[in-house]
Amino acid sequence: MKWTLFELNQLQHKGLEIDETVDVNDITTNSEIRSIDPVHVIGRADLSSKKVTFHLTVEGSMVLPCSRTLVDVDYPFTIKTTETFLFQPAEYESDDEILHMVEGDVIDLLPIIREAIILEVPMQIFSESPDKEEAAPQSGKDWDVISEKDQTTKVDPRLAGLAKFFEKDQE
């Protein structure tokens, strides 16, 4: 996913189509991402003498920990991004494009793809059907996880005698 400025100048009239599978497994050092499959990058580049604009779609799947139980959750993602590289420093304004300056003679899209994937990690993710063996415990010494429904129908045993008092009063 690297091109020199010379290569891009040669492709200016032909255009550049991108359809590659990229291994970005090195972003698993991020504590939230447990593993990531190679991602598929599709797109095109619009080339001119002053800039190149990449229109990319990044598709893949990563494994994240469930926010509640810490079991592995498969999280598929699709990221659409537009990145513009300016060949020379100039005053150029655009509200809907992200601008980058070319450092040296090479444009490398891999760091930008990695950054987009890291930004795609959700704040919280929950497993649809957590495995009982790997999930967080549902009870312990003097406590149980209960649902809201169980909470409303259950009468506190300390107040059971009081409930009988009101039943006598209504008869």
C-alpha atoms as a PDB file:
ATOM      1  CA  MET A   1       0.000   0.000   0.000  1.00  0.00           C
ATOM      2  CA  LYS A   2       2.933   2.296  -0.768  1.00  0.00           C
ATOM      3  CA  TRP A   3       3.485   4.405  -3.864  1.00  0.00           C
ATOM      4  CA  THR A   4       6.231   6.828  -4.784  1.00  0.00           C
ATOM      5  CA  LEU A   5       5.347  10.227  -6.196  1.00  0.00           C
ATOM      6  CA  PHE A   6       6.960   9.179  -9.482  1.00  0.00           C
ATOM      7  CA  GLU A   7       4.673   6.119  -9.740  1.00  0.00           C
ATOM      8  CA  LEU A   8       1.609   8.244  -8.999  1.00  0.00           C
ATOM      9  CA  ASN A   9       2.589  10.801 -11.638  1.00  0.00           C
ATOM     10  CA  GLN A  10       2.826   8.002 -14.201  1.00  0.00           C
ATOM     11  CA  LEU A  11      -0.626   6.732 -13.220  1.00  0.00           C
ATOM     12  CA  GLN A  12      -2.179  10.200 -13.440  1.00  0.00           C
ATOM     13  CA  HIS A  13      -3.905   9.556 -16.787  1.00  0.00           C
ATOM     14  CA  LYS A  14      -4.737   5.874 -16.182  1.00  0.00           C
ATOM     15  CA  GLY A  15      -6.079   6.207 -12.658  1.00  0.00           C
ATOM     16  CA  LEU A  16      -5.413   3.886  -9.769  1.00  0.00           C
ATOM     17  CA  GLU A  17      -7.773   1.147  -8.603  1.00  0.00           C
ATOM     18  CA  ILE A  18      -7.105  -0.502  -5.244  1.00  0.00           C
ATOM     19  CA  ASP A  19      -8.238  -4.012  -4.333  1.00  0.00           C
ATOM     20  CA  GLU A  20      -5.930  -5.569  -1.753  1.00  0.00           C
ATOM     21  CA  THR A  21      -5.995  -7.678   1.379  1.00  0.00           C
ATOM     22  CA  VAL A  22      -3.799  -6.190   4.095  1.00  0.00           C
ATOM     23  CA  ASP A  23      -2.551  -7.757   7.326  1.00  0.00           C
ATOM     24  CA  VAL A  24      -2.950  -5.244  10.173  1.00  0.00           C
ATOM     25  CA  ASN A  25      -2.452  -7.730  13.005  1.00  0.00           C
ATOM     26  CA  ASP A  26       0.110  -5.435  14.662  1.00  0.00           C
ATOM     27  CA  ILE A  27      -2.689  -3.212  16.044  1.00  0.00           C
ATOM     28  CA  THR A  28      -3.602  -5.980  18.501  1.00  0.00           C
ATOM     29  CA  THR A  29      -1.173  -4.322  20.896  1.00  0.00           C
ATOM     30  CA  ASN A  30      -4.181  -2.106  21.591  1.00  0.00           C
ATOM     31  CA  SER A  31      -5.630  -3.720  24.731  1.00  0.00           C
ATOM     32  CA  GLU A  32      -9.188  -3.611  23.379  1.00  0.00           C
ATOM     33  CA  ILE A  33      -8.512  -5.595  20.188  1.00  0.00           C
ATOM     34  CA  ARG A  34      -7.784  -9.254  20.890  1.00  0.00           C
ATOM     35  CA  SER A  35      -7.304 -10.297  17.259  1.00  0.00           C
ATOM     36  CA  ILE A  36      -8.051  -9.032  13.779  1.00  0.00           C
ATOM     37  CA  ASP A  37      -8.343 -10.835  10.469  1.00  0.00           C
ATOM     38  CA  PRO A  38      -6.634  -9.436   7.376  1.00  0.00           C
ATOM     39  CA  VAL A  39      -8.737  -6.547   6.062  1.00  0.00           C
ATOM     40  CA  HIS A  40      -9.944  -6.037   2.500  1.00  0.00           C
ATOM     41  CA  VAL A  41      -9.252  -2.560   1.086  1.00  0.00           C
ATOM     42  CA  ILE A  42     -11.162  -1.467  -2.020  1.00  0.00           C
ATOM     43  CA  GLY A  43     -11.027   1.948  -3.597  1.00  0.00           C
ATOM     44  CA  ARG A  44      -9.652   4.309  -6.157  1.00  0.00           C
ATOM     45  CA  ALA A  45      -7.334   7.278  -6.308  1.00  0.00           C
ATOM     46  CA  ASP A  46      -7.993  10.573  -8.039  1.00  0.00           C
ATOM     47  CA  LEU A  47      -4.648  11.920  -9.190  1.00  0.00           C
ATOM     48  CA  SER A  48      -3.666  15.465 -10.127  1.00  0.00           C
ATOM     49  CA  SER A  49      -0.388  17.349 -10.312  1.00  0.00           C
ATOM     50  CA  LYS A  50      -0.845  18.866  -6.826  1.00  0.00           C
ATOM     51  CA  LYS A  51      -2.611  16.166  -4.843  1.00  0.00           C
ATOM     52  CA  VAL A  52      -3.931  12.629  -4.752  1.00  0.00           C
ATOM     53  CA  THR A  53      -7.255  11.711  -3.157  1.00  0.00           C
ATOM     54  CA  PHE A  54      -7.923   8.142  -2.036  1.00  0.00           C
ATOM     55  CA  HIS A  55     -11.537   6.949  -1.722  1.00  0.00           C
ATOM     56  CA  LEU A  56     -11.307   3.784   0.364  1.00  0.00           C
ATOM     57  CA  THR A  57     -13.610   1.152   1.806  1.00  0.00           C
ATOM     58  CA  VAL A  58     -12.028  -1.049   4.482  1.00  0.00           C
ATOM     59  CA  GLU A  59     -13.856  -4.263   5.449  1.00  0.00           C
ATOM     60  CA  GLY A  60     -12.865  -6.788   8.063  1.00  0.00           C
ATOM     61  CA  SER A  61     -13.605  -8.391  11.393  1.00  0.00           C
ATOM     62  CA  MET A  62     -11.988  -8.041  14.804  1.00  0.00           C
ATOM     63  CA  VAL A  63     -12.424  -9.814  18.121  1.00  0.00           C
ATOM     64  CA  LEU A  64     -13.205  -7.584  21.093  1.00  0.00           C
ATOM     65  CA  PRO A  65     -13.989  -8.380  24.743  1.00  0.00           C
ATOM     66  CA  CYS A  66     -17.625  -8.203  25.856  1.00  0.00           C
ATOM     67  CA  SER A  67     -18.082  -5.182  28.128  1.00  0.00           C
ATOM     68  CA  ARG A  68     -20.128  -7.193  30.588  1.00  0.00           C
ATOM     69  CA  THR A  69     -18.563 -10.674  30.624  1.00  0.00           C
ATOM     70  CA  LEU A  70     -15.182 -10.285  28.846  1.00  0.00           C
ATOM     71  CA  VAL A  71     -15.928 -13.178  26.452  1.00  0.00           C
ATOM     72  CA  ASP A  72     -14.731 -12.820  22.851  1.00  0.00           C
ATOM     73  CA  VAL A  73     -17.147 -11.007  20.538  1.00  0.00           C
ATOM     74  CA  ASP A  74     -16.697 -11.014  16.768  1.00  0.00           C
ATOM     75  CA  TYR A  75     -17.180  -7.443  15.496  1.00  0.00           C
ATOM     76  CA  PRO A  76     -17.410  -7.001  11.709  1.00  0.00           C
ATOM     77  CA  PHE A  77     -16.765  -3.498  10.379  1.00  0.00           C
ATOM     78  CA  THR A  78     -16.916  -1.488   7.177  1.00  0.00           C
ATOM     79  CA  ILE A  79     -15.141   1.862   7.068  1.00  0.00           C
ATOM     80  CA  LYS A  80     -15.503   4.376   4.248  1.00  0.00           C
ATOM     81  CA  THR A  81     -12.906   7.129   4.238  1.00  0.00           C
ATOM     82  CA  THR A  82     -11.519   9.785   1.917  1.00  0.00           C
ATOM     83  CA  GLU A  83      -7.882  10.788   2.390  1.00  0.00           C
ATOM     84  CA  THR A  84      -6.132  13.564   0.456  1.00  0.00           C
ATOM     85  CA  PHE A  85      -2.359  13.905   0.195  1.00  0.00           C
ATOM     86  CA  LEU A  86      -0.881  17.230  -0.887  1.00  0.00           C
ATOM     87  CA  PHE A  87       2.391  16.948  -2.799  1.00  0.00           C
ATOM     88  CA  GLN A  88       3.562  20.446  -1.864  1.00  0.00           C
ATOM     89  CA  PRO A  89       2.602  22.663   1.064  1.00  0.00           C
ATOM     90  CA  ALA A  90      -0.067  25.084  -0.081  1.00  0.00           C
ATOM     91  CA  GLU A  91      -3.139  26.798   1.201  1.00  0.00           C
ATOM     92  CA  TYR A  92      -5.889  24.379   0.419  1.00  0.00           C
ATOM     93  CA  GLU A  93      -9.199  24.284   2.221  1.00  0.00           C
ATOM     94  CA  SER A  94     -11.765  21.549   2.228  1.00  0.00           C
ATOM     95  CA  ASP A  95     -14.375  20.783   4.834  1.00  0.00           C
ATOM     96  CA  ASP A  96     -15.093  17.174   3.921  1.00  0.00           C
ATOM     97  CA  GLU A  97     -11.591  15.906   3.152  1.00  0.00           C
ATOM     98  CA  ILE A  98      -8.823  14.913   5.536  1.00  0.00           C
ATOM     99  CA  LEU A  99      -5.552  16.453   4.360  1.00  0.00           C
ATOM    100  CA  HIS A 100      -2.093  14.919   4.764  1.00  0.00           C
ATOM    101  CA  MET A 101       1.267  16.260   3.712  1.00  0.00           C
ATOM    102  CA  VAL A 102       3.537  13.900   1.802  1.00  0.00           C
ATOM    103  CA  GLU A 103       6.731  13.330   3.754  1.00  0.00           C
ATOM    104  CA  GLY A 104       9.585  12.303   1.499  1.00  0.00           C
ATOM    105  CA  ASP A 105       8.763  10.623  -1.801  1.00  0.00           C
ATOM    106  CA  VAL A 106       6.450   7.868  -0.586  1.00  0.00           C
ATOM    107  CA  ILE A 107       2.751   7.744   0.273  1.00  0.00           C
ATOM    108  CA  ASP A 108       1.925   4.906   2.668  1.00  0.00           C
ATOM    109  CA  LEU A 109      -1.738   4.148   3.371  1.00  0.00           C
ATOM    110  CA  LEU A 110      -1.150   1.452   6.009  1.00  0.00           C
ATOM    111  CA  PRO A 111      -0.839   3.825   9.017  1.00  0.00           C
ATOM    112  CA  ILE A 112      -4.029   5.580   7.938  1.00  0.00           C
ATOM    113  CA  ILE A 113      -5.881   2.266   7.618  1.00  0.00           C
ATOM    114  CA  ARG A 114      -4.652   1.202  11.075  1.00  0.00           C
ATOM    115  CA  GLU A 115      -5.797   4.489  12.586  1.00  0.00           C
ATOM    116  CA  ALA A 116      -9.243   4.198  10.980  1.00  0.00           C
ATOM    117  CA  ILE A 117      -9.648   0.680  12.394  1.00  0.00           C
ATOM    118  CA  ILE A 118      -8.640   1.776  15.906  1.00  0.00           C
ATOM    119  CA  LEU A 119     -11.159   4.628  15.712  1.00  0.00           C
ATOM    120  CA  GLU A 120     -13.840   2.104  14.721  1.00  0.00           C
ATOM    121  CA  VAL A 121     -13.570   0.181  18.029  1.00  0.00           C
ATOM    122  CA  PRO A 122     -16.844   0.790  19.909  1.00  0.00           C
ATOM    123  CA  MET A 123     -16.917   2.074  23.498  1.00  0.00           C
ATOM    124  CA  GLN A 124     -19.006  -0.926  24.591  1.00  0.00           C
ATOM    125  CA  ILE A 125     -19.925  -4.188  22.926  1.00  0.00           C
ATOM    126  CA  PHE A 126     -22.086  -6.955  24.344  1.00  0.00           C
ATOM    127  CA  SER A 127     -22.160 -10.643  23.509  1.00  0.00           C
ATOM    128  CA  GLU A 128     -25.502 -11.914  22.237  1.00  0.00           C
ATOM    129  CA  SER A 129     -25.176 -15.360  23.834  1.00  0.00           C
ATOM    130  CA  PRO A 130     -22.279 -15.552  26.271  1.00  0.00           C
ATOM    131  CA  ASP A 131     -20.879 -19.013  26.893  1.00  0.00           C
ATOM    132  CA  LYS A 132     -21.824 -20.026  30.447  1.00  0.00           C
ATOM    133  CA  GLU A 133     -18.371 -21.413  31.215  1.00  0.00           C
ATOM    134  CA  GLU A 134     -16.521 -18.269  30.132  1.00  0.00           C
ATOM    135  CA  ALA A 135     -19.084 -15.700  31.272  1.00  0.00           C
ATOM    136  CA  ALA A 136     -18.960 -13.691  34.467  1.00  0.00           C
ATOM    137  CA  PRO A 137     -20.428 -15.496  37.497  1.00  0.00           C
ATOM    138  CA  GLN A 138     -24.159 -15.039  38.037  1.00  0.00           C
ATOM    139  CA  SER A 139     -24.145 -15.714  41.772  1.00  0.00           C
ATOM    140  CA  GLY A 140     -21.809 -15.880  44.726  1.00  0.00           C
ATOM    141  CA  LYS A 141     -21.776 -15.846  48.505  1.00  0.00           C
ATOM    142  CA  ASP A 142     -24.840 -13.863  49.612  1.00  0.00           C
ATOM    143  CA  TRP A 143     -25.606 -12.428  46.157  1.00  0.00           C
ATOM    144  CA  ASP A 144     -27.366 -13.314  42.885  1.00  0.00           C
ATOM    145  CA  VAL A 145     -27.844 -11.487  39.610  1.00  0.00           C
ATOM    146  CA  ILE A 146     -31.568 -10.890  39.221  1.00  0.00           C
ATOM    147  CA  SER A 147     -33.629  -9.374  36.451  1.00  0.00           C
ATOM    148  CA  GLU A 148     -35.858  -6.373  36.871  1.00  0.00           C
ATOM    149  CA  LYS A 149     -38.925  -8.616  36.533  1.00  0.00           C
ATOM    150  CA  ASP A 150     -37.763 -10.785  39.436  1.00  0.00           C
ATOM    151  CA  GLN A 151     -37.160  -7.678  41.515  1.00  0.00           C
ATOM    152  CA  THR A 152     -40.724  -6.359  41.138  1.00  0.00           C
ATOM    153  CA  THR A 153     -42.512  -9.659  41.918  1.00  0.00           C
ATOM    154  CA  LYS A 154     -40.345 -10.632  44.860  1.00  0.00           C
ATOM    155  CA  VAL A 155     -41.470  -9.515  48.326  1.00  0.00           C
ATOM    156  CA  ASP A 156     -38.821  -8.752  50.906  1.00  0.00           C
ATOM    157  CA  PRO A 157     -39.140 -11.460  53.615  1.00  0.00           C
ATOM    158  CA  ARG A 158     -38.792  -8.827  56.358  1.00  0.00           C
ATOM    159  CA  LEU A 159     -41.951  -7.142  55.083  1.00  0.00           C
ATOM    160  CA  ALA A 160     -44.024 -10.302  54.494  1.00  0.00           C
ATOM    161  CA  GLY A 161     -45.830  -9.883  57.819  1.00  0.00           C
ATOM    162  CA  LEU A 162     -46.764  -6.328  56.918  1.00  0.00           C
ATOM    163  CA  ALA A 163     -48.375  -7.525  53.670  1.00  0.00           C
ATOM    164  CA  LYS A 164     -50.616  -9.869  55.692  1.00  0.00           C
ATOM    165  CA  PHE A 165     -51.652  -6.921  57.903  1.00  0.00           C
ATOM    166  CA  PHE A 166     -52.992  -5.009  54.889  1.00  0.00           C
ATOM    167  CA  GLU A 167     -54.848  -8.090  53.589  1.00  0.00           C
ATOM    168  CA  LYS A 168     -56.812  -8.314  56.890  1.00  0.00           C
ATOM    169  CA  ASP A 169     -57.583  -4.605  56.752  1.00  0.00           C
ATOM    170  CA  GLN A 170     -59.139  -4.813  53.261  1.00  0.00           C
ATOM    171  CA  GLU A 171     -61.495  -7.679  54.171  1.00  0.00           C
END
